[in-house]
Amino acid sequence: MNWEEIITLLEQGEGQSVEFEKQVPSSEDLARDMVAFANSDGGKIVLGLDDKNKHLIGVEVDEGFKNWIRDIGEQHCSPKIVPQVEIMEHSGKKIIVISVPEGEERPYKTDDICYIRDAGESRPAKDDEEKQITNPWGGKGLNKRQLRALQLIQERGTITNREYREAFNVSHKTAHIELTMLADKKIVKCEGSGRSTCYILPPQKEE
């Protein structure tokens, strides 16, 4: 990020996708925010700025800071979260931007608690909220296209190679490989043959 982008975040203010901290928080506080962002649409944690008064305060960090943040994502978050950490300098002061991606293996937890982002706050999710964000296909090694394709099948009932290609702008070969992988893992069921081949969700087993 550059300084202009930081100013844009300041003008936008703290909210659903941005958290400002004047100093470096505890590992527990950072883990809560990281989990909340991963369970939502992703977001940024900006350290060293006073967003209320629009002041640049800066933080003192050493070379091991990035590793410390990554350790929080691995050791305090479950499943692990891999954030991007940027250290910027402006007017002789350091600003940290921790970018947390939207999670693909939700729900994420820290201390066995699922947190979500609610406007400018990271708070524990209620039972129904946790169920809503739970990804039934998390932890199966799928990429974002495959996860989205499964959602499309839920909505439409089926997907073809052509529809996969059109939805994600990929080649016939890539679509075939990724759809076949879903079938091999028995996440989807392949029906038809040739150009009429389509993929559906297998029937749910009765408990």
N, C-alpha and C. Protein backbone atom coordinates (compact mmCIF):
# COMPACT_ATOMS: atom_id res chain seq x y z
N MET A 1 0.85 -1.20 0.00
CA MET A 1 0.00 0.00 0.00
C MET A 1 0.88 1.25 0.00
N ASN A 2 0.33 2.35 -0.49
CA ASN A 2 1.06 3.61 -0.42
C ASN A 2 0.31 4.56 0.52
N TRP A 3 0.91 5.73 0.75
CA TRP A 3 0.33 6.67 1.72
C TRP A 3 -1.06 7.15 1.29
N GLU A 4 -1.27 7.34 0.00
CA GLU A 4 -2.57 7.78 -0.49
C GLU A 4 -3.66 6.75 -0.16
N GLU A 5 -3.30 5.47 -0.27
CA GLU A 5 -4.26 4.42 0.06
C GLU A 5 -4.55 4.39 1.56
N ILE A 6 -3.53 4.68 2.35
CA ILE A 6 -3.73 4.76 3.80
C ILE A 6 -4.69 5.91 4.13
N ILE A 7 -4.51 7.06 3.48
CA ILE A 7 -5.39 8.21 3.70
C ILE A 7 -6.83 7.84 3.33
N THR A 8 -7.00 7.09 2.25
CA THR A 8 -8.34 6.65 1.84
C THR A 8 -8.98 5.79 2.92
N LEU A 9 -8.18 4.89 3.52
CA LEU A 9 -8.70 4.05 4.61
C LEU A 9 -9.09 4.91 5.81
N LEU A 10 -8.27 5.92 6.11
CA LEU A 10 -8.57 6.81 7.23
C LEU A 10 -9.88 7.55 7.00
N GLU A 11 -10.05 8.03 5.77
CA GLU A 11 -11.28 8.76 5.45
C GLU A 11 -12.49 7.83 5.50
N GLN A 12 -12.27 6.60 5.10
CA GLN A 12 -13.33 5.59 5.14
C GLN A 12 -13.70 5.28 6.58
N GLY A 13 -12.69 5.26 7.46
CA GLY A 13 -12.92 5.02 8.88
C GLY A 13 -13.02 3.55 9.22
N GLU A 14 -12.96 3.28 10.51
CA GLU A 14 -13.03 1.90 10.98
C GLU A 14 -14.40 1.33 10.69
N GLY A 15 -14.43 0.07 10.25
CA GLY A 15 -15.72 -0.52 9.91
C GLY A 15 -15.62 -1.99 9.65
N GLN A 16 -16.45 -2.47 8.73
CA GLN A 16 -16.56 -3.89 8.45
C GLN A 16 -15.26 -4.51 7.97
N SER A 17 -14.46 -3.75 7.23
CA SER A 17 -13.25 -4.33 6.64
C SER A 17 -11.95 -3.66 7.09
N VAL A 18 -12.03 -2.76 8.06
CA VAL A 18 -10.82 -2.06 8.53
C VAL A 18 -10.85 -1.91 10.04
N GLU A 19 -9.72 -2.22 10.67
CA GLU A 19 -9.53 -2.03 12.11
C GLU A 19 -8.28 -1.20 12.31
N PHE A 20 -8.37 -0.09 13.06
CA PHE A 20 -7.22 0.75 13.36
C PHE A 20 -6.78 0.54 14.81
N GLU A 21 -5.48 0.48 15.03
CA GLU A 21 -4.91 0.37 16.37
C GLU A 21 -3.77 1.37 16.48
N LYS A 22 -3.75 2.13 17.58
CA LYS A 22 -2.67 3.12 17.77
C LYS A 22 -1.34 2.42 18.03
N GLN A 23 -1.37 1.34 18.80
CA GLN A 23 -0.17 0.60 19.16
C GLN A 23 -0.32 -0.85 18.71
N VAL A 24 0.70 -1.64 18.96
CA VAL A 24 0.65 -3.06 18.63
C VAL A 24 -0.18 -3.78 19.70
N PRO A 25 -1.31 -4.39 19.32
CA PRO A 25 -2.15 -5.08 20.30
C PRO A 25 -1.50 -6.38 20.78
N SER A 26 -2.15 -7.02 21.72
CA SER A 26 -1.69 -8.33 22.19
C SER A 26 -1.95 -9.37 21.12
N SER A 27 -1.28 -10.49 21.23
CA SER A 27 -1.49 -11.57 20.26
C SER A 27 -2.94 -12.06 20.31
N GLU A 28 -3.55 -12.04 21.50
CA GLU A 28 -4.94 -12.48 21.64
C GLU A 28 -5.89 -11.55 20.88
N ASP A 29 -5.66 -10.23 21.00
CA ASP A 29 -6.51 -9.27 20.31
C ASP A 29 -6.34 -9.37 18.80
N LEU A 30 -5.11 -9.54 18.35
CA LEU A 30 -4.86 -9.68 16.92
C LEU A 30 -5.50 -10.95 16.37
N ALA A 31 -5.41 -12.03 17.13
CA ALA A 31 -6.02 -13.29 16.69
C ALA A 31 -7.53 -13.14 16.54
N ARG A 32 -8.17 -12.42 17.47
CA ARG A 32 -9.62 -12.21 17.38
C ARG A 32 -9.98 -11.45 16.11
N ASP A 33 -9.24 -10.39 15.81
CA ASP A 33 -9.54 -9.60 14.61
C ASP A 33 -9.25 -10.41 13.35
N MET A 34 -8.17 -11.17 13.34
CA MET A 34 -7.83 -11.97 12.17
C MET A 34 -8.91 -13.02 11.90
N VAL A 35 -9.37 -13.67 12.95
CA VAL A 35 -10.42 -14.67 12.82
C VAL A 35 -11.72 -14.02 12.32
N ALA A 36 -12.05 -12.86 12.89
CA ALA A 36 -13.29 -12.16 12.49
C ALA A 36 -13.27 -11.79 11.02
N PHE A 37 -12.13 -11.28 10.55
CA PHE A 37 -12.02 -10.90 9.14
C PHE A 37 -12.07 -12.14 8.24
N ALA A 38 -11.39 -13.20 8.64
CA ALA A 38 -11.38 -14.43 7.84
C ALA A 38 -12.78 -15.03 7.75
N ASN A 39 -13.57 -14.87 8.80
CA ASN A 39 -14.93 -15.40 8.80
C ASN A 39 -15.90 -14.49 8.04
N SER A 40 -15.44 -13.29 7.70
CA SER A 40 -16.27 -12.35 6.96
C SER A 40 -15.73 -12.23 5.54
N ASP A 41 -15.53 -11.02 5.06
CA ASP A 41 -15.06 -10.83 3.68
C ASP A 41 -13.60 -10.42 3.60
N GLY A 42 -12.84 -10.70 4.68
CA GLY A 42 -11.46 -10.26 4.71
C GLY A 42 -11.38 -8.81 5.19
N GLY A 43 -10.16 -8.34 5.46
CA GLY A 43 -10.02 -6.96 5.92
C GLY A 43 -8.59 -6.62 6.27
N LYS A 44 -8.39 -5.40 6.74
CA LYS A 44 -7.06 -4.91 7.07
C LYS A 44 -7.01 -4.40 8.50
N ILE A 45 -5.92 -4.73 9.19
CA ILE A 45 -5.65 -4.21 10.53
C ILE A 45 -4.48 -3.24 10.37
N VAL A 46 -4.71 -1.98 10.68
CA VAL A 46 -3.68 -0.94 10.49
C VAL A 46 -3.17 -0.49 11.85
N LEU A 47 -1.88 -0.63 12.07
CA LEU A 47 -1.26 -0.27 13.35
C LEU A 47 -0.45 1.01 13.21
N GLY A 48 -0.58 1.90 14.21
CA GLY A 48 0.23 3.12 14.22
C GLY A 48 -0.51 4.37 13.80
N LEU A 49 -1.83 4.29 13.68
CA LEU A 49 -2.64 5.45 13.30
C LEU A 49 -3.77 5.67 14.29
N ASP A 50 -4.01 6.92 14.61
CA ASP A 50 -5.15 7.30 15.44
C ASP A 50 -6.26 7.73 14.47
N ASP A 51 -7.19 6.82 14.21
CA ASP A 51 -8.22 7.12 13.21
C ASP A 51 -9.23 8.15 13.69
N LYS A 52 -9.34 8.33 15.01
CA LYS A 52 -10.30 9.31 15.53
C LYS A 52 -9.81 10.73 15.26
N ASN A 53 -8.53 10.98 15.54
CA ASN A 53 -7.96 12.31 15.36
C ASN A 53 -7.14 12.46 14.08
N LYS A 54 -7.09 11.36 13.29
CA LYS A 54 -6.34 11.35 12.03
C LYS A 54 -4.85 11.67 12.24
N HIS A 55 -4.27 11.13 13.31
CA HIS A 55 -2.87 11.38 13.62
C HIS A 55 -2.01 10.16 13.29
N LEU A 56 -0.83 10.43 12.77
CA LEU A 56 0.16 9.38 12.56
C LEU A 56 0.98 9.24 13.83
N ILE A 57 0.89 8.09 14.46
CA ILE A 57 1.60 7.84 15.72
C ILE A 57 2.83 7.00 15.48
N GLY A 58 2.69 5.96 14.69
CA GLY A 58 3.81 5.07 14.42
C GLY A 58 3.96 4.01 15.49
N VAL A 59 4.58 2.90 15.13
CA VAL A 59 4.84 1.82 16.07
C VAL A 59 6.30 1.39 15.96
N GLU A 60 6.83 0.89 17.06
CA GLU A 60 8.21 0.41 17.09
C GLU A 60 8.19 -1.11 16.92
N VAL A 61 8.72 -1.58 15.81
CA VAL A 61 8.78 -3.03 15.57
C VAL A 61 10.16 -3.40 15.08
N ASP A 62 10.53 -4.67 15.30
CA ASP A 62 11.84 -5.13 14.85
C ASP A 62 11.69 -6.06 13.66
N GLU A 63 12.78 -6.66 13.25
CA GLU A 63 12.78 -7.52 12.06
C GLU A 63 11.93 -8.78 12.24
N GLY A 64 11.73 -9.17 13.49
CA GLY A 64 10.97 -10.39 13.74
C GLY A 64 9.47 -10.19 13.78
N PHE A 65 9.02 -8.97 13.54
CA PHE A 65 7.59 -8.67 13.69
C PHE A 65 6.72 -9.49 12.73
N LYS A 66 7.14 -9.56 11.47
CA LYS A 66 6.34 -10.31 10.48
C LYS A 66 6.20 -11.77 10.88
N ASN A 67 7.28 -12.34 11.39
CA ASN A 67 7.22 -13.74 11.83
C ASN A 67 6.28 -13.90 13.02
N TRP A 68 6.25 -12.88 13.91
CA TRP A 68 5.37 -12.91 15.07
C TRP A 68 3.91 -12.93 14.62
N ILE A 69 3.59 -12.09 13.64
CA ILE A 69 2.23 -12.05 13.12
C ILE A 69 1.86 -13.38 12.47
N ARG A 70 2.77 -13.93 11.69
CA ARG A 70 2.50 -15.21 11.03
C ARG A 70 2.33 -16.33 12.06
N ASP A 71 3.10 -16.26 13.16
CA ASP A 71 2.96 -17.25 14.23
C ASP A 71 1.57 -17.17 14.87
N ILE A 72 1.04 -15.95 15.00
CA ILE A 72 -0.31 -15.80 15.55
C ILE A 72 -1.31 -16.48 14.64
N GLY A 73 -1.15 -16.28 13.33
CA GLY A 73 -2.06 -16.90 12.37
C GLY A 73 -1.99 -18.42 12.40
N GLU A 74 -0.82 -18.96 12.70
CA GLU A 74 -0.64 -20.42 12.71
C GLU A 74 -0.99 -21.05 14.05
N GLN A 75 -0.60 -20.37 15.14
CA GLN A 75 -0.71 -20.99 16.46
C GLN A 75 -1.96 -20.59 17.24
N HIS A 76 -2.50 -19.41 16.94
CA HIS A 76 -3.67 -18.93 17.69
C HIS A 76 -4.97 -19.02 16.91
N CYS A 77 -4.88 -19.32 15.61
CA CYS A 77 -6.08 -19.38 14.77
C CYS A 77 -6.26 -20.80 14.23
N SER A 78 -7.48 -21.27 14.23
CA SER A 78 -7.77 -22.61 13.74
C SER A 78 -9.03 -22.59 12.88
N PRO A 79 -8.90 -23.02 11.58
CA PRO A 79 -7.68 -23.38 10.85
C PRO A 79 -6.71 -22.19 10.79
N LYS A 80 -5.49 -22.43 10.40
CA LYS A 80 -4.50 -21.37 10.40
C LYS A 80 -4.85 -20.30 9.37
N ILE A 81 -4.44 -19.08 9.66
CA ILE A 81 -4.66 -17.93 8.77
C ILE A 81 -3.30 -17.41 8.34
N VAL A 82 -3.15 -17.12 7.06
CA VAL A 82 -1.88 -16.60 6.53
C VAL A 82 -2.10 -15.17 6.05
N PRO A 83 -1.82 -14.18 6.91
CA PRO A 83 -2.02 -12.78 6.50
C PRO A 83 -0.81 -12.24 5.74
N GLN A 84 -1.03 -11.15 5.04
CA GLN A 84 0.07 -10.42 4.41
C GLN A 84 0.41 -9.25 5.30
N VAL A 85 1.70 -9.06 5.57
CA VAL A 85 2.14 -7.99 6.48
C VAL A 85 3.02 -7.00 5.73
N GLU A 86 2.62 -5.73 5.74
CA GLU A 86 3.40 -4.66 5.12
C GLU A 86 3.86 -3.68 6.19
N ILE A 87 5.13 -3.30 6.12
CA ILE A 87 5.67 -2.28 7.02
C ILE A 87 5.99 -1.05 6.18
N MET A 88 5.29 0.04 6.43
CA MET A 88 5.48 1.28 5.68
C MET A 88 6.14 2.33 6.57
N GLU A 89 6.81 3.27 5.95
CA GLU A 89 7.39 4.39 6.68
C GLU A 89 6.87 5.69 6.09
N HIS A 90 6.49 6.62 6.96
CA HIS A 90 6.05 7.94 6.53
C HIS A 90 6.44 8.94 7.61
N SER A 91 7.09 9.99 7.20
CA SER A 91 7.56 11.01 8.14
C SER A 91 8.38 10.41 9.27
N GLY A 92 9.20 9.41 8.92
CA GLY A 92 10.09 8.79 9.90
C GLY A 92 9.41 7.85 10.87
N LYS A 93 8.15 7.53 10.63
CA LYS A 93 7.42 6.63 11.54
C LYS A 93 6.91 5.42 10.76
N LYS A 94 6.80 4.29 11.47
CA LYS A 94 6.38 3.05 10.83
C LYS A 94 4.88 2.79 11.03
N ILE A 95 4.27 2.33 9.96
CA ILE A 95 2.87 1.92 9.98
C ILE A 95 2.81 0.46 9.53
N ILE A 96 2.01 -0.34 10.18
CA ILE A 96 1.86 -1.74 9.82
C ILE A 96 0.48 -1.97 9.22
N VAL A 97 0.44 -2.66 8.10
CA VAL A 97 -0.84 -3.04 7.50
C VAL A 97 -0.89 -4.57 7.42
N ILE A 98 -1.80 -5.17 8.16
CA ILE A 98 -1.97 -6.62 8.15
C ILE A 98 -3.22 -6.93 7.34
N SER A 99 -3.04 -7.55 6.19
CA SER A 99 -4.18 -7.87 5.31
C SER A 99 -4.58 -9.32 5.52
N VAL A 100 -5.83 -9.52 5.94
CA VAL A 100 -6.36 -10.86 6.21
C VAL A 100 -7.30 -11.24 5.08
N PRO A 101 -7.04 -12.34 4.38
CA PRO A 101 -7.92 -12.73 3.28
C PRO A 101 -9.23 -13.34 3.78
N GLU A 102 -10.23 -13.30 2.94
CA GLU A 102 -11.48 -14.00 3.24
C GLU A 102 -11.17 -15.49 3.34
N GLY A 103 -11.63 -16.13 4.38
CA GLY A 103 -11.29 -17.54 4.61
C GLY A 103 -12.05 -18.51 3.73
N GLU A 104 -11.40 -19.59 3.36
CA GLU A 104 -12.03 -20.64 2.56
C GLU A 104 -12.41 -21.85 3.40
N GLU A 105 -11.99 -21.86 4.69
CA GLU A 105 -12.26 -23.02 5.54
C GLU A 105 -13.02 -22.60 6.80
N ARG A 106 -13.98 -21.74 6.62
CA ARG A 106 -14.76 -21.25 7.76
C ARG A 106 -15.61 -22.36 8.38
N PRO A 107 -15.83 -22.28 9.69
CA PRO A 107 -15.53 -21.15 10.57
C PRO A 107 -14.12 -21.20 11.16
N TYR A 108 -13.51 -20.03 11.30
CA TYR A 108 -12.21 -19.90 11.96
C TYR A 108 -12.47 -19.55 13.43
N LYS A 109 -11.56 -20.03 14.28
CA LYS A 109 -11.74 -19.79 15.71
C LYS A 109 -10.40 -19.46 16.37
N THR A 110 -10.48 -18.80 17.51
CA THR A 110 -9.32 -18.63 18.38
C THR A 110 -9.79 -18.87 19.80
N ASP A 111 -9.03 -19.62 20.56
CA ASP A 111 -9.45 -20.04 21.91
C ASP A 111 -10.81 -20.74 21.83
N ASP A 112 -11.03 -21.47 20.71
CA ASP A 112 -12.25 -22.24 20.48
C ASP A 112 -13.50 -21.36 20.37
N ILE A 113 -13.32 -20.09 20.07
CA ILE A 113 -14.45 -19.16 19.90
C ILE A 113 -14.44 -18.64 18.46
N CYS A 114 -15.60 -18.69 17.83
CA CYS A 114 -15.76 -18.17 16.47
C CYS A 114 -16.12 -16.69 16.54
N TYR A 115 -15.29 -15.84 15.95
CA TYR A 115 -15.56 -14.40 15.93
C TYR A 115 -15.97 -13.97 14.52
N ILE A 116 -16.85 -12.98 14.46
CA ILE A 116 -17.23 -12.39 13.18
C ILE A 116 -17.07 -10.88 13.27
N ARG A 117 -17.04 -10.25 12.12
CA ARG A 117 -16.93 -8.80 12.06
C ARG A 117 -18.33 -8.21 12.01
N ASP A 118 -18.64 -7.33 12.92
CA ASP A 118 -19.95 -6.68 12.98
C ASP A 118 -19.72 -5.18 12.98
N ALA A 119 -19.81 -4.56 11.77
CA ALA A 119 -19.47 -3.14 11.59
C ALA A 119 -18.03 -2.92 12.02
N GLY A 120 -17.76 -2.15 13.07
CA GLY A 120 -16.39 -1.89 13.48
C GLY A 120 -15.94 -2.71 14.67
N GLU A 121 -16.58 -3.84 14.88
CA GLU A 121 -16.30 -4.66 16.07
C GLU A 121 -16.11 -6.12 15.69
N SER A 122 -15.17 -6.77 16.37
CA SER A 122 -14.98 -8.22 16.24
C SER A 122 -15.62 -8.86 17.47
N ARG A 123 -16.68 -9.62 17.25
CA ARG A 123 -17.41 -10.18 18.40
C ARG A 123 -17.68 -11.67 18.18
N PRO A 124 -17.94 -12.40 19.28
CA PRO A 124 -18.26 -13.82 19.14
C PRO A 124 -19.53 -14.01 18.32
N ALA A 125 -19.53 -15.01 17.46
CA ALA A 125 -20.70 -15.31 16.65
C ALA A 125 -21.73 -16.05 17.47
N LYS A 126 -23.00 -15.78 17.21
CA LYS A 126 -24.07 -16.56 17.82
C LYS A 126 -24.14 -17.90 17.09
N ASP A 127 -24.82 -18.85 17.70
CA ASP A 127 -24.87 -20.20 17.12
C ASP A 127 -25.39 -20.18 15.68
N ASP A 128 -26.47 -19.42 15.44
CA ASP A 128 -27.04 -19.40 14.08
C ASP A 128 -26.11 -18.69 13.11
N GLU A 129 -25.36 -17.68 13.59
CA GLU A 129 -24.42 -16.98 12.73
C GLU A 129 -23.26 -17.88 12.35
N GLU A 130 -22.79 -18.67 13.30
CA GLU A 130 -21.70 -19.59 13.01
C GLU A 130 -22.12 -20.62 11.98
N LYS A 131 -23.35 -21.10 12.07
CA LYS A 131 -23.85 -22.07 11.09
C LYS A 131 -23.92 -21.45 9.70
N GLN A 132 -24.28 -20.17 9.63
CA GLN A 132 -24.41 -19.49 8.34
C GLN A 132 -23.08 -19.34 7.63
N ILE A 133 -22.00 -19.12 8.39
CA ILE A 133 -20.71 -18.90 7.74
C ILE A 133 -19.93 -20.19 7.53
N THR A 134 -20.41 -21.29 8.10
CA THR A 134 -19.70 -22.56 7.97
C THR A 134 -19.68 -23.03 6.52
N ASN A 135 -18.49 -23.32 6.02
CA ASN A 135 -18.34 -23.83 4.66
C ASN A 135 -18.36 -25.35 4.70
N PRO A 136 -19.39 -25.98 4.14
CA PRO A 136 -19.48 -27.44 4.22
C PRO A 136 -18.37 -28.15 3.45
N TRP A 137 -17.67 -27.41 2.57
CA TRP A 137 -16.61 -28.04 1.78
C TRP A 137 -15.22 -27.58 2.21
N GLY A 138 -15.12 -26.91 3.37
CA GLY A 138 -13.82 -26.47 3.85
C GLY A 138 -12.93 -27.65 4.23
N GLY A 139 -11.63 -27.42 4.14
CA GLY A 139 -10.68 -28.43 4.55
C GLY A 139 -10.49 -29.56 3.56
N LYS A 140 -11.00 -29.42 2.34
CA LYS A 140 -10.88 -30.48 1.34
C LYS A 140 -9.87 -30.14 0.24
N GLY A 141 -9.10 -29.07 0.45
CA GLY A 141 -8.06 -28.71 -0.51
C GLY A 141 -8.59 -28.14 -1.81
N LEU A 142 -9.75 -27.49 -1.78
CA LEU A 142 -10.35 -26.95 -3.00
C LEU A 142 -9.93 -25.49 -3.20
N ASN A 143 -9.86 -25.07 -4.46
CA ASN A 143 -9.54 -23.67 -4.72
C ASN A 143 -10.82 -22.84 -4.75
N LYS A 144 -10.68 -21.52 -4.91
CA LYS A 144 -11.84 -20.64 -4.84
C LYS A 144 -12.85 -20.92 -5.95
N ARG A 145 -12.34 -21.28 -7.14
CA ARG A 145 -13.26 -21.58 -8.25
C ARG A 145 -14.12 -22.79 -7.92
N GLN A 146 -13.47 -23.81 -7.37
CA GLN A 146 -14.22 -25.03 -7.05
C GLN A 146 -15.26 -24.77 -5.95
N LEU A 147 -14.88 -23.98 -4.96
CA LEU A 147 -15.83 -23.66 -3.88
C LEU A 147 -17.01 -22.87 -4.43
N ARG A 148 -16.72 -21.92 -5.33
CA ARG A 148 -17.80 -21.13 -5.92
C ARG A 148 -18.66 -22.01 -6.83
N ALA A 149 -18.03 -22.93 -7.55
CA ALA A 149 -18.78 -23.83 -8.43
C ALA A 149 -19.77 -24.67 -7.62
N LEU A 150 -19.36 -25.12 -6.44
CA LEU A 150 -20.26 -25.90 -5.59
C LEU A 150 -21.45 -25.07 -5.14
N GLN A 151 -21.21 -23.78 -4.90
CA GLN A 151 -22.32 -22.90 -4.56
C GLN A 151 -23.27 -22.74 -5.74
N LEU A 152 -22.68 -22.64 -6.94
CA LEU A 152 -23.50 -22.52 -8.15
C LEU A 152 -24.36 -23.78 -8.36
N ILE A 153 -23.77 -24.94 -8.10
CA ILE A 153 -24.53 -26.18 -8.24
C ILE A 153 -25.69 -26.20 -7.24
N GLN A 154 -25.42 -25.71 -6.02
CA GLN A 154 -26.49 -25.62 -5.03
C GLN A 154 -27.63 -24.75 -5.53
N GLU A 155 -27.27 -23.64 -6.19
CA GLU A 155 -28.28 -22.69 -6.65
C GLU A 155 -29.01 -23.20 -7.90
N ARG A 156 -28.24 -23.79 -8.84
CA ARG A 156 -28.81 -24.18 -10.13
C ARG A 156 -29.18 -25.65 -10.25
N GLY A 157 -28.55 -26.47 -9.42
CA GLY A 157 -28.79 -27.90 -9.49
C GLY A 157 -27.75 -28.67 -10.28
N THR A 158 -27.03 -27.98 -11.17
CA THR A 158 -26.04 -28.66 -12.00
C THR A 158 -25.06 -27.64 -12.58
N ILE A 159 -23.91 -28.14 -13.07
CA ILE A 159 -22.96 -27.29 -13.79
C ILE A 159 -22.27 -28.16 -14.84
N THR A 160 -21.99 -27.56 -16.00
CA THR A 160 -21.29 -28.25 -17.07
C THR A 160 -19.89 -27.67 -17.23
N ASN A 161 -19.07 -28.33 -18.03
CA ASN A 161 -17.73 -27.83 -18.30
C ASN A 161 -17.82 -26.44 -18.91
N ARG A 162 -18.74 -26.28 -19.85
CA ARG A 162 -18.88 -24.98 -20.51
C ARG A 162 -19.29 -23.89 -19.52
N GLU A 163 -20.21 -24.18 -18.64
CA GLU A 163 -20.65 -23.20 -17.65
C GLU A 163 -19.52 -22.85 -16.69
N TYR A 164 -18.70 -23.85 -16.35
CA TYR A 164 -17.54 -23.63 -15.48
C TYR A 164 -16.56 -22.68 -16.16
N ARG A 165 -16.30 -22.94 -17.45
CA ARG A 165 -15.38 -22.09 -18.22
C ARG A 165 -15.89 -20.66 -18.29
N GLU A 166 -17.16 -20.51 -18.55
CA GLU A 166 -17.73 -19.17 -18.69
C GLU A 166 -17.76 -18.43 -17.36
N ALA A 167 -18.01 -19.16 -16.28
CA ALA A 167 -18.10 -18.53 -14.96
C ALA A 167 -16.75 -18.03 -14.46
N PHE A 168 -15.67 -18.76 -14.81
CA PHE A 168 -14.37 -18.45 -14.23
C PHE A 168 -13.30 -18.08 -15.26
N ASN A 169 -13.69 -18.02 -16.55
CA ASN A 169 -12.77 -17.63 -17.61
C ASN A 169 -11.51 -18.49 -17.62
N VAL A 170 -11.72 -19.80 -17.64
CA VAL A 170 -10.60 -20.75 -17.69
C VAL A 170 -10.74 -21.62 -18.94
N SER A 171 -9.68 -22.36 -19.23
CA SER A 171 -9.68 -23.22 -20.42
C SER A 171 -10.52 -24.48 -20.19
N HIS A 172 -10.81 -25.16 -21.30
CA HIS A 172 -11.55 -26.43 -21.22
C HIS A 172 -10.79 -27.43 -20.36
N LYS A 173 -9.46 -27.46 -20.53
CA LYS A 173 -8.63 -28.41 -19.79
C LYS A 173 -8.68 -28.13 -18.29
N THR A 174 -8.54 -26.85 -17.92
CA THR A 174 -8.58 -26.49 -16.49
C THR A 174 -9.93 -26.84 -15.88
N ALA A 175 -11.01 -26.52 -16.60
CA ALA A 175 -12.35 -26.84 -16.10
C ALA A 175 -12.50 -28.35 -15.91
N HIS A 176 -12.01 -29.12 -16.88
CA HIS A 176 -12.12 -30.58 -16.80
C HIS A 176 -11.35 -31.12 -15.59
N ILE A 177 -10.12 -30.64 -15.40
CA ILE A 177 -9.29 -31.11 -14.29
C ILE A 177 -9.95 -30.79 -12.94
N GLU A 178 -10.44 -29.57 -12.80
CA GLU A 178 -10.99 -29.14 -11.51
C GLU A 178 -12.34 -29.80 -11.22
N LEU A 179 -13.15 -30.01 -12.25
CA LEU A 179 -14.42 -30.71 -12.04
C LEU A 179 -14.19 -32.20 -11.77
N THR A 180 -13.22 -32.78 -12.49
CA THR A 180 -12.91 -34.19 -12.27
C THR A 180 -12.39 -34.43 -10.85
N MET A 181 -11.61 -33.46 -10.35
CA MET A 181 -11.10 -33.57 -8.98
C MET A 181 -12.27 -33.60 -7.98
N LEU A 182 -13.28 -32.76 -8.22
CA LEU A 182 -14.45 -32.77 -7.34
C LEU A 182 -15.17 -34.12 -7.38
N ALA A 183 -15.22 -34.71 -8.59
CA ALA A 183 -15.87 -36.02 -8.73
C ALA A 183 -15.03 -37.10 -8.06
N ASP A 184 -13.70 -37.02 -8.21
CA ASP A 184 -12.82 -38.02 -7.60
C ASP A 184 -12.93 -38.00 -6.08
N LYS A 185 -13.14 -36.80 -5.53
CA LYS A 185 -13.28 -36.67 -4.08
C LYS A 185 -14.70 -36.99 -3.62
N LYS A 186 -15.57 -37.34 -4.60
CA LYS A 186 -16.97 -37.70 -4.33
C LYS A 186 -17.75 -36.53 -3.73
N ILE A 187 -17.30 -35.31 -4.06
CA ILE A 187 -18.03 -34.12 -3.62
C ILE A 187 -19.17 -33.84 -4.60
N VAL A 188 -18.93 -34.15 -5.89
CA VAL A 188 -19.99 -34.05 -6.89
C VAL A 188 -20.12 -35.39 -7.60
N LYS A 189 -21.20 -35.54 -8.30
CA LYS A 189 -21.46 -36.76 -9.08
C LYS A 189 -21.54 -36.38 -10.55
N CYS A 190 -20.86 -37.13 -11.39
CA CYS A 190 -20.83 -36.88 -12.82
C CYS A 190 -21.97 -37.65 -13.50
N GLU A 191 -22.73 -36.95 -14.34
CA GLU A 191 -23.82 -37.59 -15.07
C GLU A 191 -23.72 -37.29 -16.55
N GLY A 192 -24.17 -38.20 -17.39
CA GLY A 192 -24.15 -38.00 -18.83
C GLY A 192 -22.78 -38.31 -19.40
N SER A 193 -22.63 -38.03 -20.70
CA SER A 193 -21.36 -38.26 -21.37
C SER A 193 -21.19 -37.25 -22.49
N GLY A 194 -19.94 -37.11 -22.95
CA GLY A 194 -19.65 -36.17 -24.03
C GLY A 194 -20.04 -34.75 -23.64
N ARG A 195 -20.65 -34.04 -24.60
CA ARG A 195 -21.02 -32.65 -24.35
C ARG A 195 -22.18 -32.51 -23.37
N SER A 196 -22.87 -33.59 -23.14
CA SER A 196 -24.01 -33.54 -22.20
C SER A 196 -23.59 -33.83 -20.76
N THR A 197 -22.28 -34.02 -20.56
CA THR A 197 -21.80 -34.31 -19.20
C THR A 197 -22.09 -33.13 -18.28
N CYS A 198 -22.61 -33.41 -17.10
CA CYS A 198 -22.83 -32.36 -16.10
C CYS A 198 -22.50 -32.92 -14.72
N TYR A 199 -22.42 -32.01 -13.78
CA TYR A 199 -22.02 -32.39 -12.42
C TYR A 199 -23.09 -31.90 -11.45
N ILE A 200 -23.48 -32.79 -10.55
CA ILE A 200 -24.49 -32.47 -9.55
C ILE A 200 -23.97 -32.84 -8.17
N LEU A 201 -24.65 -32.34 -7.15
CA LEU A 201 -24.31 -32.74 -5.78
C LEU A 201 -24.95 -34.10 -5.51
N PRO A 202 -24.23 -35.02 -4.88
CA PRO A 202 -24.81 -36.33 -4.57
C PRO A 202 -25.93 -36.17 -3.55
N PRO A 203 -26.87 -37.10 -3.55
CA PRO A 203 -27.96 -37.00 -2.57
C PRO A 203 -27.42 -37.07 -1.14
N GLN A 204 -28.06 -36.31 -0.27
CA GLN A 204 -27.67 -36.29 1.12
C GLN A 204 -28.03 -37.60 1.80
N LYS A 205 -27.10 -38.12 2.59
CA LYS A 205 -27.39 -39.34 3.34
C LYS A 205 -28.28 -39.01 4.53
N GLU A 206 -29.27 -39.82 4.73
CA GLU A 206 -30.14 -39.61 5.89
C GLU A 206 -29.42 -40.04 7.15
N GLU A 207 -29.53 -39.19 8.16
CA GLU A 207 -28.85 -39.50 9.43
C GLU A 207 -29.70 -40.45 10.25
